[in-house]
Amino acid sequence: MLVLLLCCKQQPLFVHFKVFNMKKNLGFSLIEMMITVAIIGILASIALPSYQQYIIKTRRTDVQQTITSQAQAFERYFTSNGRYTSTGTTCAVANSSNTYYTITSDCSTANTFTVTATPITGKSQANDGTITLTNTGARTGTWIN
């Protein structure tokens, strides 16, 4: 029998990569800038209306706190004096101030009051609607719980 041995010389396989001599990139291309501006525009168009609704809701909550505090002042006066009016139909408690709402009090009788917050025309709350609170605790308008 004849045994034939074949010997293969295995040489490592080298892959040659061609290195390009590119200039150093120092800035952004116009396309990259346009894509960035488009992404920012899309995000802003989604976020801005949500933020504006948040601001309206926050200002409504602020005015609710203000008229509730005014109602508490009426109740403290009533506890000490037995009426909500100082003389005639003049309310004993001065109206609070607010940048976005006009706050008024109505003391048509000595035993009742109504505190009303009306949005000021031309301000961001103009379409928010009137909010009222009475001496019985009845609330009208859009209240946030």
Protein backbone atom coordinates (compact mmCIF):
# COMPACT_ATOMS: atom_id res chain seq x y z
CA MET A 1 0.00 0.00 0.00
CA LEU A 2 1.08 3.35 -0.83
CA VAL A 3 0.19 6.17 1.46
CA LEU A 4 0.13 9.51 -0.05
CA LEU A 5 0.49 12.42 2.26
CA LEU A 6 -0.38 15.74 0.95
CA CYS A 7 0.89 18.63 2.77
CA CYS A 8 -0.75 21.96 2.32
CA LYS A 9 0.88 25.06 3.30
CA GLN A 10 -1.71 27.23 4.83
CA GLN A 11 -0.91 30.84 4.71
CA PRO A 12 -2.89 33.37 6.63
CA LEU A 13 -5.38 35.25 4.59
CA PHE A 14 -4.83 38.98 4.71
CA VAL A 15 -7.55 41.44 3.86
CA HIS A 16 -6.28 44.71 2.67
CA PHE A 17 -8.29 47.73 3.61
CA LYS A 18 -7.84 50.76 1.55
CA VAL A 19 -7.55 53.84 3.73
CA PHE A 20 -8.97 56.93 2.18
CA ASN A 21 -7.32 60.18 2.90
CA MET A 22 -10.37 62.20 3.96
CA LYS A 23 -10.30 65.73 5.25
CA LYS A 24 -11.17 66.16 8.89
CA ASN A 25 -14.94 66.83 9.26
CA LEU A 26 -15.33 70.06 11.21
CA GLY A 27 -19.08 70.76 10.98
CA PHE A 28 -22.54 69.56 10.11
CA SER A 29 -23.93 69.15 6.66
CA LEU A 30 -27.02 71.02 5.54
CA ILE A 31 -29.06 67.81 5.51
CA GLU A 32 -28.13 67.05 9.12
CA MET A 33 -29.18 70.53 10.16
CA MET A 34 -32.49 70.29 8.26
CA ILE A 35 -33.31 66.95 9.92
CA THR A 36 -32.53 68.41 13.36
CA VAL A 37 -34.73 71.45 12.74
CA ALA A 38 -37.56 69.22 11.51
CA ILE A 39 -37.35 67.00 14.61
CA ILE A 40 -37.36 70.02 16.93
CA GLY A 41 -40.35 71.45 15.04
CA ILE A 42 -42.33 68.23 15.40
CA LEU A 43 -41.55 67.99 19.13
CA ALA A 44 -42.49 71.64 19.67
CA SER A 45 -45.79 71.21 17.81
CA ILE A 46 -46.68 68.36 20.16
CA ALA A 47 -45.41 69.87 23.41
CA LEU A 48 -46.61 73.49 23.12
CA PRO A 49 -50.40 72.86 23.14
CA SER A 50 -49.99 70.47 26.07
CA TYR A 51 -47.98 73.07 27.98
CA GLN A 52 -50.56 75.79 27.28
CA GLN A 53 -53.37 73.59 28.63
CA TYR A 54 -51.27 72.90 31.71
CA ILE A 55 -50.80 76.66 32.31
CA ILE A 56 -54.55 77.32 31.96
CA LYS A 57 -55.34 74.53 34.41
CA THR A 58 -52.73 75.82 36.88
CA ARG A 59 -54.11 79.37 36.77
CA ARG A 60 -57.64 78.04 37.28
CA THR A 61 -56.41 76.13 40.33
CA ASP A 62 -54.78 79.32 41.66
CA VAL A 63 -58.00 81.32 41.37
CA GLN A 64 -59.95 78.50 43.01
CA GLN A 65 -57.57 78.68 45.95
CA THR A 66 -57.98 82.47 46.06
CA ILE A 67 -61.79 82.45 46.15
CA THR A 68 -61.79 79.58 48.66
CA SER A 69 -59.51 81.66 50.91
CA GLN A 70 -61.85 84.62 50.50
CA ALA A 71 -64.82 82.42 51.42
CA GLN A 72 -62.94 81.30 54.53
CA ALA A 73 -62.36 84.95 55.44
CA PHE A 74 -66.12 85.52 55.09
CA GLU A 75 -66.80 82.58 57.39
CA ARG A 76 -64.35 83.86 60.00
CA TYR A 77 -66.07 87.27 59.90
CA PHE A 78 -69.47 85.59 60.18
CA THR A 79 -68.32 83.56 63.21
CA SER A 80 -67.29 86.75 65.04
CA ASN A 81 -70.10 89.08 63.91
CA GLY A 82 -73.07 86.89 62.96
CA ARG A 83 -73.31 88.35 59.43
CA TYR A 84 -71.28 88.63 56.20
CA THR A 85 -71.87 92.35 55.70
CA SER A 86 -70.22 95.23 57.48
CA THR A 87 -72.98 97.78 56.71
CA GLY A 88 -76.06 97.33 54.54
CA THR A 89 -75.09 95.14 51.59
CA THR A 90 -71.38 95.98 51.72
CA CYS A 91 -69.30 92.83 52.10
CA ALA A 92 -67.10 92.79 55.17
CA VAL A 93 -64.18 91.14 53.35
CA ALA A 94 -62.28 92.99 50.62
CA ASN A 95 -61.98 91.34 47.21
CA SER A 96 -58.77 89.51 46.44
CA SER A 97 -56.72 90.36 43.38
CA ASN A 98 -55.62 88.11 40.54
CA THR A 99 -53.78 88.81 37.28
CA TYR A 100 -56.02 86.67 35.07
CA TYR A 101 -59.42 86.91 36.81
CA THR A 102 -61.61 89.66 38.25
CA ILE A 103 -62.76 88.53 41.68
CA THR A 104 -66.01 90.01 43.04
CA SER A 105 -68.11 89.39 46.11
CA ASP A 106 -71.87 89.77 46.41
CA CYS A 107 -73.41 90.10 49.85
CA SER A 108 -77.03 90.87 48.95
CA THR A 109 -78.17 89.81 52.42
CA ALA A 110 -76.42 89.68 55.77
CA ASN A 111 -76.55 85.87 55.77
CA THR A 112 -75.36 85.00 52.26
CA PHE A 113 -72.40 85.67 50.01
CA THR A 114 -71.22 84.68 46.55
CA VAL A 115 -67.61 84.99 45.42
CA THR A 116 -67.18 85.06 41.65
CA ALA A 117 -64.01 84.84 39.54
CA THR A 118 -64.49 86.08 35.98
CA PRO A 119 -61.66 85.74 33.42
CA ILE A 120 -60.24 89.02 32.17
CA THR A 121 -60.84 89.59 28.45
CA GLY A 122 -57.66 89.45 26.36
CA LYS A 123 -55.75 87.26 28.80
CA SER A 124 -54.93 83.56 28.37
CA GLN A 125 -57.82 82.57 30.66
CA ALA A 126 -60.45 84.48 28.63
CA ASN A 127 -62.23 81.31 27.46
CA ASP A 128 -62.04 79.58 30.84
CA GLY A 129 -65.48 80.54 32.14
CA THR A 130 -66.74 82.03 35.38
CA ILE A 131 -66.16 80.23 38.68
CA THR A 132 -68.38 80.90 41.72
CA LEU A 133 -68.54 79.81 45.34
CA THR A 134 -71.38 80.54 47.76
CA ASN A 135 -71.77 80.52 51.53
CA THR A 136 -73.40 77.07 51.33
CA GLY A 137 -70.33 75.68 49.56
CA ALA A 138 -72.12 75.40 46.20
CA ARG A 139 -69.68 75.68 43.32
CA THR A 140 -70.41 76.50 39.70
CA GLY A 141 -68.10 76.65 36.74
CA THR A 142 -65.19 74.37 35.93
CA TRP A 143 -63.63 73.34 39.23
CA ILE A 144 -60.56 71.14 39.45
CA ASN A 145 -60.74 68.68 42.31
